[in-house]
Amino acid sequence: MIPEISWLRIGAALALVLGLVGVGAWLGHRATSDYYEPRLDAAQAQSAQFQSANTELRAAVKQQNDAVDGMIQRAQQREQEAAIEQRTAAEAATSYQLKAAAILASRPLGADECRAASQAFDDELRQERAHK
């Protein structure tokens, strides 16, 4: 014969099992919380430090990029000025080359060429100094 189980015993067993499950869940939550909360707090603090460092680095990179942009602009300006100076120098060189060719082409007949060249050079030098 099967012994009869009373509803009271079933209820008590069920309450005991639910109580044990509840206590186990609470203890599990407490253990997990104690284990992970310090790690989570440390990770959040580290995240704040990383964000602060990231902000500082971004500001430094922006400042460096602005400086590089300024250097590029100044280099382009110097390049343009150098091109202008180069054209001016080339024009002046052409003028001087024509003058030198004229001096070399004019050879006095029957005279000492060295003395004539020296005299022509001295005359040219006096003319240039007089214009300055």
C-alpha atoms as a PDB file:
ATOM      1  CA  MET A   1       0.000   0.000   0.000  1.00  0.00           C
ATOM      2  CA  ILE A   2       1.155   3.494  -0.854  1.00  0.00           C
ATOM      3  CA  PRO A   3       1.369   5.847   2.029  1.00  0.00           C
ATOM      4  CA  GLU A   4      -0.709   8.910   1.628  1.00  0.00           C
ATOM      5  CA  ILE A   5       1.076  12.152   1.287  1.00  0.00           C
ATOM      6  CA  SER A   6      -0.682  15.088   2.702  1.00  0.00           C
ATOM      7  CA  TRP A   7      -0.968  18.377   0.958  1.00  0.00           C
ATOM      8  CA  LEU A   8       0.650  19.933   3.971  1.00  0.00           C
ATOM      9  CA  ARG A   9       3.801  17.869   3.492  1.00  0.00           C
ATOM     10  CA  ILE A  10       3.850  18.662  -0.210  1.00  0.00           C
ATOM     11  CA  GLY A  11       3.438  22.375   0.534  1.00  0.00           C
ATOM     12  CA  ALA A  12       6.172  22.256   3.183  1.00  0.00           C
ATOM     13  CA  ALA A  13       8.565  20.438   0.814  1.00  0.00           C
ATOM     14  CA  LEU A  14       7.770  22.884  -1.967  1.00  0.00           C
ATOM     15  CA  ALA A  15       8.321  25.846   0.361  1.00  0.00           C
ATOM     16  CA  LEU A  16      11.615  24.328   1.498  1.00  0.00           C
ATOM     17  CA  VAL A  17      12.763  23.799  -2.094  1.00  0.00           C
ATOM     18  CA  LEU A  18      11.712  27.336  -3.095  1.00  0.00           C
ATOM     19  CA  GLY A  19      13.417  28.704  -0.006  1.00  0.00           C
ATOM     20  CA  LEU A  20      16.628  26.850  -0.847  1.00  0.00           C
ATOM     21  CA  VAL A  21      16.442  28.037  -4.466  1.00  0.00           C
ATOM     22  CA  GLY A  22      15.848  31.623  -3.280  1.00  0.00           C
ATOM     23  CA  VAL A  23      18.737  31.494  -0.802  1.00  0.00           C
ATOM     24  CA  GLY A  24      20.976  29.967  -3.487  1.00  0.00           C
ATOM     25  CA  ALA A  25      20.009  32.662  -5.974  1.00  0.00           C
ATOM     26  CA  TRP A  26      20.652  35.390  -3.410  1.00  0.00           C
ATOM     27  CA  LEU A  27      24.020  33.893  -2.458  1.00  0.00           C
ATOM     28  CA  GLY A  28      24.935  33.497  -6.126  1.00  0.00           C
ATOM     29  CA  HIS A  29      23.995  37.097  -6.823  1.00  0.00           C
ATOM     30  CA  ARG A  30      25.967  38.266  -3.791  1.00  0.00           C
ATOM     31  CA  ALA A  31      29.059  36.255  -4.775  1.00  0.00           C
ATOM     32  CA  THR A  32      28.881  37.409  -8.370  1.00  0.00           C
ATOM     33  CA  SER A  33      28.365  41.005  -7.293  1.00  0.00           C
ATOM     34  CA  ASP A  34      31.308  40.862  -4.884  1.00  0.00           C
ATOM     35  CA  TYR A  35      33.490  39.360  -7.618  1.00  0.00           C
ATOM     36  CA  TYR A  36      32.557  41.619 -10.553  1.00  0.00           C
ATOM     37  CA  GLU A  37      31.773  44.996  -8.949  1.00  0.00           C
ATOM     38  CA  PRO A  38      35.402  45.906  -8.122  1.00  0.00           C
ATOM     39  CA  ARG A  39      36.436  44.885 -11.615  1.00  0.00           C
ATOM     40  CA  LEU A  40      33.592  46.909 -13.131  1.00  0.00           C
ATOM     41  CA  ASP A  41      34.498  49.971 -11.034  1.00  0.00           C
ATOM     42  CA  ALA A  42      38.152  49.657 -12.085  1.00  0.00           C
ATOM     43  CA  ALA A  43      37.139  49.264 -15.735  1.00  0.00           C
ATOM     44  CA  GLN A  44      34.922  52.364 -15.544  1.00  0.00           C
ATOM     45  CA  ALA A  45      37.725  54.380 -13.937  1.00  0.00           C
ATOM     46  CA  GLN A  46      40.144  53.185 -16.607  1.00  0.00           C
ATOM     47  CA  SER A  47      37.606  54.053 -19.296  1.00  0.00           C
ATOM     48  CA  ALA A  48      37.365  57.599 -17.915  1.00  0.00           C
ATOM     49  CA  GLN A  49      41.166  57.882 -17.984  1.00  0.00           C
ATOM     50  CA  PHE A  50      41.251  56.624 -21.571  1.00  0.00           C
ATOM     51  CA  GLN A  51      38.579  59.109 -22.616  1.00  0.00           C
ATOM     52  CA  SER A  52      40.501  61.944 -20.965  1.00  0.00           C
ATOM     53  CA  ALA A  53      43.752  60.864 -22.650  1.00  0.00           C
ATOM     54  CA  ASN A  54      41.929  60.517 -25.971  1.00  0.00           C
ATOM     55  CA  THR A  55      40.568  64.064 -25.654  1.00  0.00           C
ATOM     56  CA  GLU A  56      44.044  65.414 -24.856  1.00  0.00           C
ATOM     57  CA  LEU A  57      45.597  63.517 -27.749  1.00  0.00           C
ATOM     58  CA  ARG A  58      42.944  64.753 -30.156  1.00  0.00           C
ATOM     59  CA  ALA A  59      43.652  68.341 -29.081  1.00  0.00           C
ATOM     60  CA  ALA A  60      47.400  67.804 -29.558  1.00  0.00           C
ATOM     61  CA  VAL A  61      46.876  66.249 -32.985  1.00  0.00           C
ATOM     62  CA  LYS A  62      44.642  69.155 -34.020  1.00  0.00           C
ATOM     63  CA  GLN A  63      47.269  71.640 -32.871  1.00  0.00           C
ATOM     64  CA  GLN A  64      49.974  69.774 -34.803  1.00  0.00           C
ATOM     65  CA  ASN A  65      47.796  69.561 -37.914  1.00  0.00           C
ATOM     66  CA  ASP A  66      47.129  73.305 -37.712  1.00  0.00           C
ATOM     67  CA  ALA A  67      50.881  73.929 -37.408  1.00  0.00           C
ATOM     68  CA  VAL A  68      51.593  71.677 -40.402  1.00  0.00           C
ATOM     69  CA  ASP A  69      48.910  73.447 -42.449  1.00  0.00           C
ATOM     70  CA  GLY A  70      50.510  76.790 -41.573  1.00  0.00           C
ATOM     71  CA  MET A  71      53.918  75.494 -42.592  1.00  0.00           C
ATOM     72  CA  ILE A  72      52.523  74.250 -45.903  1.00  0.00           C
ATOM     73  CA  GLN A  73      50.937  77.636 -46.606  1.00  0.00           C
ATOM     74  CA  ARG A  74      54.172  79.475 -45.765  1.00  0.00           C
ATOM     75  CA  ALA A  75      56.151  77.056 -47.962  1.00  0.00           C
ATOM     76  CA  GLN A  76      53.781  77.654 -50.873  1.00  0.00           C
ATOM     77  CA  GLN A  77      54.092  81.400 -50.388  1.00  0.00           C
ATOM     78  CA  ARG A  78      57.909  81.156 -50.332  1.00  0.00           C
ATOM     79  CA  GLU A  79      57.764  79.002 -53.451  1.00  0.00           C
ATOM     80  CA  GLN A  80      55.736  81.628 -55.280  1.00  0.00           C
ATOM     81  CA  GLU A  81      58.080  84.398 -54.134  1.00  0.00           C
ATOM     82  CA  ALA A  82      61.097  82.328 -55.204  1.00  0.00           C
ATOM     83  CA  ALA A  83      59.575  81.791 -58.651  1.00  0.00           C
ATOM     84  CA  ILE A  84      59.123  85.544 -59.038  1.00  0.00           C
ATOM     85  CA  GLU A  85      62.693  86.186 -57.896  1.00  0.00           C
ATOM     86  CA  GLN A  86      63.930  83.493 -60.245  1.00  0.00           C
ATOM     87  CA  ARG A  87      62.202  85.123 -63.229  1.00  0.00           C
ATOM     88  CA  THR A  88      63.607  88.507 -62.230  1.00  0.00           C
ATOM     89  CA  ALA A  89      67.108  87.041 -61.910  1.00  0.00           C
ATOM     90  CA  ALA A  90      66.798  85.283 -65.271  1.00  0.00           C
ATOM     91  CA  GLU A  91      65.777  88.556 -66.934  1.00  0.00           C
ATOM     92  CA  ALA A  92      68.706  90.378 -65.309  1.00  0.00           C
ATOM     93  CA  ALA A  93      71.081  87.574 -66.302  1.00  0.00           C
ATOM     94  CA  THR A  94      69.924  87.820 -69.912  1.00  0.00           C
ATOM     95  CA  SER A  95      70.596  91.552 -69.882  1.00  0.00           C
ATOM     96  CA  TYR A  96      74.060  91.013 -68.405  1.00  0.00           C
ATOM     97  CA  GLN A  97      74.816  88.237 -70.880  1.00  0.00           C
ATOM     98  CA  LEU A  98      73.926  90.536 -73.783  1.00  0.00           C
ATOM     99  CA  LYS A  99      76.170  93.259 -72.359  1.00  0.00           C
ATOM    100  CA  ALA A 100      79.017  90.769 -71.864  1.00  0.00           C
ATOM    101  CA  ALA A 101      78.610  89.493 -75.404  1.00  0.00           C
ATOM    102  CA  ALA A 102      78.732  93.082 -76.706  1.00  0.00           C
ATOM    103  CA  ILE A 103      81.904  93.756 -74.733  1.00  0.00           C
ATOM    104  CA  LEU A 104      83.525  90.575 -75.976  1.00  0.00           C
ATOM    105  CA  ALA A 105      82.473  91.298 -79.548  1.00  0.00           C
ATOM    106  CA  SER A 106      84.031  94.746 -79.566  1.00  0.00           C
ATOM    107  CA  ARG A 107      87.734  94.235 -80.123  1.00  0.00           C
ATOM    108  CA  PRO A 108      89.754  97.259 -80.924  1.00  0.00           C
ATOM    109  CA  LEU A 109      91.857  96.739 -84.013  1.00  0.00           C
ATOM    110  CA  GLY A 110      95.592  96.954 -83.602  1.00  0.00           C
ATOM    111  CA  ALA A 111      95.516  97.521 -79.851  1.00  0.00           C
ATOM    112  CA  ASP A 112      96.727  95.361 -77.042  1.00  0.00           C
ATOM    113  CA  GLU A 113      93.755  93.070 -76.396  1.00  0.00           C
ATOM    114  CA  CYS A 114      94.460  92.599 -72.709  1.00  0.00           C
ATOM    115  CA  ARG A 115      94.641  96.309 -72.032  1.00  0.00           C
ATOM    116  CA  ALA A 116      91.572  96.897 -74.161  1.00  0.00           C
ATOM    117  CA  ALA A 117      89.624  94.168 -72.360  1.00  0.00           C
ATOM    118  CA  SER A 118      90.722  95.543 -68.993  1.00  0.00           C
ATOM    119  CA  GLN A 119      89.683  99.043 -70.027  1.00  0.00           C
ATOM    120  CA  ALA A 120      86.308  97.782 -71.332  1.00  0.00           C
ATOM    121  CA  PHE A 121      85.727  95.898 -68.090  1.00  0.00           C
ATOM    122  CA  ASP A 122      86.631  98.945 -66.006  1.00  0.00           C
ATOM    123  CA  ASP A 123      84.304 101.129 -68.094  1.00  0.00           C
ATOM    124  CA  GLU A 124      81.458  98.636 -67.705  1.00  0.00           C
ATOM    125  CA  LEU A 125      82.071  98.415 -63.960  1.00  0.00           C
ATOM    126  CA  ARG A 126      82.009 102.202 -63.636  1.00  0.00           C
ATOM    127  CA  GLN A 127      78.728 102.333 -65.568  1.00  0.00           C
ATOM    128  CA  GLU A 128      77.112  99.725 -63.340  1.00  0.00           C
ATOM    129  CA  ARG A 129      78.255 101.445 -60.153  1.00  0.00           C
ATOM    130  CA  ALA A 130      77.032 104.776 -61.429  1.00  0.00           C
ATOM    131  CA  HIS A 131      73.504 103.346 -61.955  1.00  0.00           C
ATOM    132  CA  LYS A 132      73.311 102.032 -58.378  1.00  0.00           C
END
